C-alpha atoms as a PDB file:
ATOM      1  CA  MET A   1       0.000   0.000   0.000  1.00  0.00           C
ATOM      2  CA  GLU A   2       1.310   3.425  -0.941  1.00  0.00           C
ATOM      3  CA  ILE A   3       1.551   6.033   1.844  1.00  0.00           C
ATOM      4  CA  HIS A   4       0.401   9.624   1.220  1.00  0.00           C
ATOM      5  CA  PRO A   5       1.407  11.618   4.310  1.00  0.00           C
ATOM      6  CA  LEU A   6      -0.223  14.918   5.095  1.00  0.00           C
ATOM      7  CA  ASP A   7       1.452  17.791   3.234  1.00  0.00           C
ATOM      8  CA  CYS A   8       0.814  21.015   5.177  1.00  0.00           C
ATOM      9  CA  GLU A   9       1.609  23.147   2.126  1.00  0.00           C
ATOM     10  CA  LYS A  10      -0.751  21.419  -0.288  1.00  0.00           C
ATOM     11  CA  ILE A  11      -4.354  22.460  -0.870  1.00  0.00           C
ATOM     12  CA  TYR A  12      -6.275  19.200  -1.024  1.00  0.00           C
ATOM     13  CA  LEU A  13      -9.096  18.408  -3.428  1.00  0.00           C
ATOM     14  CA  SER A  14     -11.647  15.646  -2.879  1.00  0.00           C
ATOM     15  CA  ALA A  15      -9.828  13.156  -5.158  1.00  0.00           C
ATOM     16  CA  ASP A  16      -6.441  13.575  -3.440  1.00  0.00           C
ATOM     17  CA  LEU A  17      -5.147  10.625  -1.433  1.00  0.00           C
ATOM     18  CA  LEU A  18      -4.350  11.064   2.244  1.00  0.00           C
ATOM     19  CA  THR A  19      -2.891   8.591   4.740  1.00  0.00           C
ATOM     20  CA  LEU A  20      -3.908   8.910   8.381  1.00  0.00           C
ATOM     21  CA  ASP A  21      -3.311   6.593  11.306  1.00  0.00           C
ATOM     22  CA  GLY A  22      -6.152   4.242  12.116  1.00  0.00           C
ATOM     23  CA  GLU A  23      -6.688   1.702  14.873  1.00  0.00           C
ATOM     24  CA  GLU A  24      -4.930  -0.959  12.825  1.00  0.00           C
ATOM     25  CA  GLY A  25      -2.220   1.239  11.309  1.00  0.00           C
ATOM     26  CA  PRO A  26      -2.068   3.745   8.456  1.00  0.00           C
ATOM     27  CA  ILE A  27      -5.117   4.052   6.199  1.00  0.00           C
ATOM     28  CA  THR A  28      -4.992   5.712   2.781  1.00  0.00           C
ATOM     29  CA  LEU A  29      -8.218   7.057   1.321  1.00  0.00           C
ATOM     30  CA  LYS A  30      -9.314   9.792  -1.037  1.00  0.00           C
ATOM     31  CA  LEU A  31     -10.177  12.925   0.905  1.00  0.00           C
ATOM     32  CA  SER A  32     -13.814  12.519  -0.198  1.00  0.00           C
ATOM     33  CA  GLU A  33     -13.777   9.083   1.476  1.00  0.00           C
ATOM     34  CA  TRP A  34     -12.275  10.565   4.648  1.00  0.00           C
ATOM     35  CA  LEU A  35     -15.172  13.055   4.703  1.00  0.00           C
ATOM     36  CA  GLN A  36     -17.554  10.085   4.814  1.00  0.00           C
ATOM     37  CA  LYS A  37     -15.517   7.969   7.221  1.00  0.00           C
ATOM     38  CA  ASP A  38     -14.421  10.568   9.797  1.00  0.00           C
ATOM     39  CA  PRO A  39     -15.656  14.112   9.129  1.00  0.00           C
ATOM     40  CA  VAL A  40     -14.947  15.294  12.683  1.00  0.00           C
ATOM     41  CA  ARG A  41     -11.301  14.266  12.419  1.00  0.00           C
ATOM     42  CA  ILE A  42     -10.921  16.025   9.070  1.00  0.00           C
ATOM     43  CA  HIS A  43     -12.563  19.173  10.453  1.00  0.00           C
ATOM     44  CA  ARG A  44     -10.200  19.178  13.424  1.00  0.00           C
ATOM     45  CA  LEU A  45      -7.196  18.817  11.129  1.00  0.00           C
ATOM     46  CA  ILE A  46      -8.410  21.828   9.139  1.00  0.00           C
ATOM     47  CA  ILE A  47      -9.673  24.152  11.866  1.00  0.00           C
ATOM     48  CA  LYS A  48      -8.071  23.249  15.177  1.00  0.00           C
ATOM     49  CA  GLU A  49      -4.716  21.800  14.203  1.00  0.00           C
ATOM     50  CA  LYS A  50      -4.446  23.884  11.002  1.00  0.00           C
ATOM     51  CA  VAL A  51      -2.364  21.196   9.289  1.00  0.00           C
ATOM     52  CA  LEU A  52      -4.755  20.337   6.456  1.00  0.00           C
ATOM     53  CA  LYS A  53      -5.585  22.892   3.769  1.00  0.00           C
ATOM     54  CA  VAL A  54      -8.541  22.113   1.531  1.00  0.00           C
ATOM     55  CA  ASP A  55     -10.413  23.657  -1.352  1.00  0.00           C
ATOM     56  CA  GLN A  56     -13.297  25.658   0.122  1.00  0.00           C
ATOM     57  CA  ALA A  57     -15.963  24.781  -2.442  1.00  0.00           C
ATOM     58  CA  GLU A  58     -14.984  21.216  -3.255  1.00  0.00           C
ATOM     59  CA  VAL A  59     -14.088  19.956   0.222  1.00  0.00           C
ATOM     60  CA  PHE A  60     -14.927  22.313   3.090  1.00  0.00           C
ATOM     61  CA  LEU A  61     -18.563  23.086   2.266  1.00  0.00           C
ATOM     62  CA  PRO A  62     -19.462  19.402   1.801  1.00  0.00           C
ATOM     63  CA  LEU A  63     -17.593  18.641   5.027  1.00  0.00           C
ATOM     64  CA  ILE A  64     -19.823  21.001   7.012  1.00  0.00           C
ATOM     65  CA  SER A  65     -22.899  19.299   5.579  1.00  0.00           C
ATOM     66  CA  LYS A  66     -21.521  15.888   6.539  1.00  0.00           C
ATOM     67  CA  LEU A  67     -20.685  17.063  10.058  1.00  0.00           C
ATOM     68  CA  ARG A  68     -24.286  18.100  10.622  1.00  0.00           C
ATOM     69  CA  ARG A  69     -25.469  14.566   9.848  1.00  0.00           C
ATOM     70  CA  ALA A  70     -22.550  12.608  11.345  1.00  0.00           C
ATOM     71  CA  ASP A  71     -22.195  14.351  14.727  1.00  0.00           C
ATOM     72  CA  PHE A  72     -24.825  17.003  15.411  1.00  0.00           C
ATOM     73  CA  ASP A  73     -23.443  17.864  18.852  1.00  0.00           C
ATOM     74  CA  TYR A  74     -20.018  18.594  17.378  1.00  0.00           C
ATOM     75  CA  TYR A  75     -21.661  20.558  14.551  1.00  0.00           C
ATOM     76  CA  LYS A  76     -23.658  22.590  17.083  1.00  0.00           C
ATOM     77  CA  ARG A  77     -20.524  23.401  19.082  1.00  0.00           C
ATOM     78  CA  ILE A  78     -18.572  24.611  16.056  1.00  0.00           C
ATOM     79  CA  THR A  79     -21.538  26.578  14.712  1.00  0.00           C
ATOM     80  CA  GLY A  80     -22.470  28.360  17.951  1.00  0.00           C
ATOM     81  CA  LEU A  81     -24.409  31.561  17.321  1.00  0.00           C
ATOM     82  CA  LYS A  82     -24.274  30.975  13.555  1.00  0.00           C
ATOM     83  CA  MET A  83     -26.781  28.148  14.036  1.00  0.00           C
ATOM     84  CA  MET A  84     -29.973  28.728  12.094  1.00  0.00           C
ATOM     85  CA  ILE A  85     -32.990  28.668  14.413  1.00  0.00           C
ATOM     86  CA  ASP A  86     -36.739  29.063  14.268  1.00  0.00           C
ATOM     87  CA  PHE A  87     -37.133  32.056  16.580  1.00  0.00           C
ATOM     88  CA  PRO A  88     -40.525  33.522  17.541  1.00  0.00           C
ATOM     89  CA  GLY A  89     -41.398  36.643  15.575  1.00  0.00           C
ATOM     90  CA  TYR A  90     -39.438  35.742  12.443  1.00  0.00           C
ATOM     91  CA  SER A  91     -41.052  34.248   9.355  1.00  0.00           C
ATOM     92  CA  SER A  92     -38.109  31.978   8.565  1.00  0.00           C
ATOM     93  CA  ASP A  93     -35.015  30.547  10.235  1.00  0.00           C
ATOM     94  CA  ILE A  94     -32.424  33.114  11.301  1.00  0.00           C
ATOM     95  CA  GLU A  95     -28.936  33.011  12.775  1.00  0.00           C
ATOM     96  CA  ALA A  96     -29.094  32.745  16.557  1.00  0.00           C
ATOM     97  CA  ARG A  97     -26.743  35.734  16.719  1.00  0.00           C
ATOM     98  CA  ILE A  98     -29.506  38.094  15.567  1.00  0.00           C
ATOM     99  CA  PRO A  99     -31.830  37.763  18.589  1.00  0.00           C
ATOM    100  CA  PHE A 100     -28.814  37.204  20.860  1.00  0.00           C
ATOM    101  CA  ASP A 101     -27.498  40.655  19.880  1.00  0.00           C
ATOM    102  CA  THR A 102     -30.728  42.583  19.260  1.00  0.00           C
ATOM    103  CA  ASP A 103     -33.040  41.229  21.972  1.00  0.00           C
ATOM    104  CA  PRO A 104     -31.052  39.418  24.654  1.00  0.00           C
ATOM    105  CA  ILE A 105     -34.049  39.148  26.988  1.00  0.00           C
ATOM    106  CA  ALA A 106     -36.212  37.392  24.386  1.00  0.00           C
ATOM    107  CA  PHE A 107     -33.252  35.187  23.438  1.00  0.00           C
ATOM    108  CA  TYR A 108     -32.635  34.298  27.091  1.00  0.00           C
ATOM    109  CA  LYS A 109     -36.277  33.396  27.607  1.00  0.00           C
ATOM    110  CA  TRP A 110     -36.301  31.290  24.436  1.00  0.00           C
ATOM    111  CA  TRP A 111     -32.930  29.632  25.050  1.00  0.00           C
ATOM    112  CA  ARG A 112     -32.912  29.038  28.796  1.00  0.00           C
ATOM    113  CA  LYS A 113     -36.505  29.190  29.967  1.00  0.00           C
ATOM    114  CA  GLY A 114     -37.954  27.810  26.742  1.00  0.00           C
ATOM    115  CA  LYS A 115     -35.688  24.774  27.091  1.00  0.00           C
ATOM    116  CA  ASN A 116     -33.964  25.366  23.736  1.00  0.00           C
ATOM    117  CA  GLU A 117     -30.419  24.997  25.051  1.00  0.00           C
ATOM    118  CA  HIS A 118     -30.068  21.865  22.917  1.00  0.00           C
ATOM    119  CA  LYS A 119     -30.621  23.940  19.758  1.00  0.00           C
ATOM    120  CA  VAL A 120     -27.801  26.477  20.174  1.00  0.00           C
ATOM    121  CA  TYR A 121     -24.471  25.918  21.892  1.00  0.00           C
ATOM    122  CA  LEU A 122     -23.263  28.908  23.908  1.00  0.00           C
ATOM    123  CA  SER A 123     -19.732  28.744  25.254  1.00  0.00           C
ATOM    124  CA  PRO A 124     -19.327  29.832  28.885  1.00  0.00           C
ATOM    125  CA  ALA A 125     -18.056  33.204  27.608  1.00  0.00           C
ATOM    126  CA  TYR A 126     -21.209  33.761  25.520  1.00  0.00           C
ATOM    127  CA  GLN A 127     -23.394  32.571  28.384  1.00  0.00           C
ATOM    128  CA  PHE A 128     -21.718  35.122  30.639  1.00  0.00           C
ATOM    129  CA  LYS A 129     -22.213  37.852  28.044  1.00  0.00           C
ATOM    130  CA  LEU A 130     -25.908  36.979  27.668  1.00  0.00           C
ATOM    131  CA  PHE A 131     -26.556  36.649  31.398  1.00  0.00           C
ATOM    132  CA  GLN A 132     -24.746  39.904  32.104  1.00  0.00           C
ATOM    133  CA  LYS A 133     -26.843  41.792  29.522  1.00  0.00           C
ATOM    134  CA  VAL A 134     -30.077  40.314  30.824  1.00  0.00           C
ATOM    135  CA  SER A 135     -29.147  40.985  34.468  1.00  0.00           C
ATOM    136  CA  MET A 136     -28.590  44.667  33.644  1.00  0.00           C
ATOM    137  CA  MET A 137     -31.776  45.002  31.585  1.00  0.00           C
ATOM    138  CA  GLU A 138     -34.313  42.800  33.364  1.00  0.00           C
ATOM    139  CA  PRO A 139     -32.852  40.719  36.205  1.00  0.00           C
ATOM    140  CA  LYS A 140     -36.240  39.401  37.352  1.00  0.00           C
ATOM    141  CA  VAL A 141     -36.497  37.081  34.325  1.00  0.00           C
ATOM    142  CA  MET A 142     -33.258  35.284  35.204  1.00  0.00           C
ATOM    143  CA  LEU A 143     -32.928  31.936  36.905  1.00  0.00           C
ATOM    144  CA  LYS A 144     -31.049  31.954  40.202  1.00  0.00           C
ATOM    145  CA  LYS A 145     -28.287  29.702  38.846  1.00  0.00           C
ATOM    146  CA  ASP A 146     -27.608  32.223  36.052  1.00  0.00           C
ATOM    147  CA  ILE A 147     -27.499  35.149  38.469  1.00  0.00           C
ATOM    148  CA  ASP A 148     -25.037  33.193  40.582  1.00  0.00           C
ATOM    149  CA  PHE A 149     -22.961  32.430  37.480  1.00  0.00           C
ATOM    150  CA  VAL A 150     -22.630  36.159  36.708  1.00  0.00           C
ATOM    151  CA  LYS A 151     -21.814  36.967  40.340  1.00  0.00           C
ATOM    152  CA  SER A 152     -19.046  34.353  40.397  1.00  0.00           C
ATOM    153  CA  PHE A 153     -16.861  36.592  38.223  1.00  0.00           C
END
């Protein structure tokens, strides 16, 4: 079997071969096959480790689509406030960032009190930002645990 190690300088296309370590040793597949087999690993190599460069249209956009289906929790974490949501008052899905920024109280009520935390991942930093805004604007709507979270800083 021919080995095709990762070349950090190359911009990979879907037909390019790539060898990565597997449980039973090195595995060589086309990048398009890696997108099917292990999209989370490929995404991490691109975004977190920054060792894999890929063509945006041919590889990265299909990868994001595959991530959504393969591991929705991972997809939700990487998407964050860019997640498209069905938010009350809007006729179609919008980015979560819009109500988060423009109406934090309504977003808080929808996200926390409306039990929609599973729909949008907020990092602790974004939770703090949201809770801080809401506590300044209308603290009576907040849950005690969120008030305590803001006070802990």
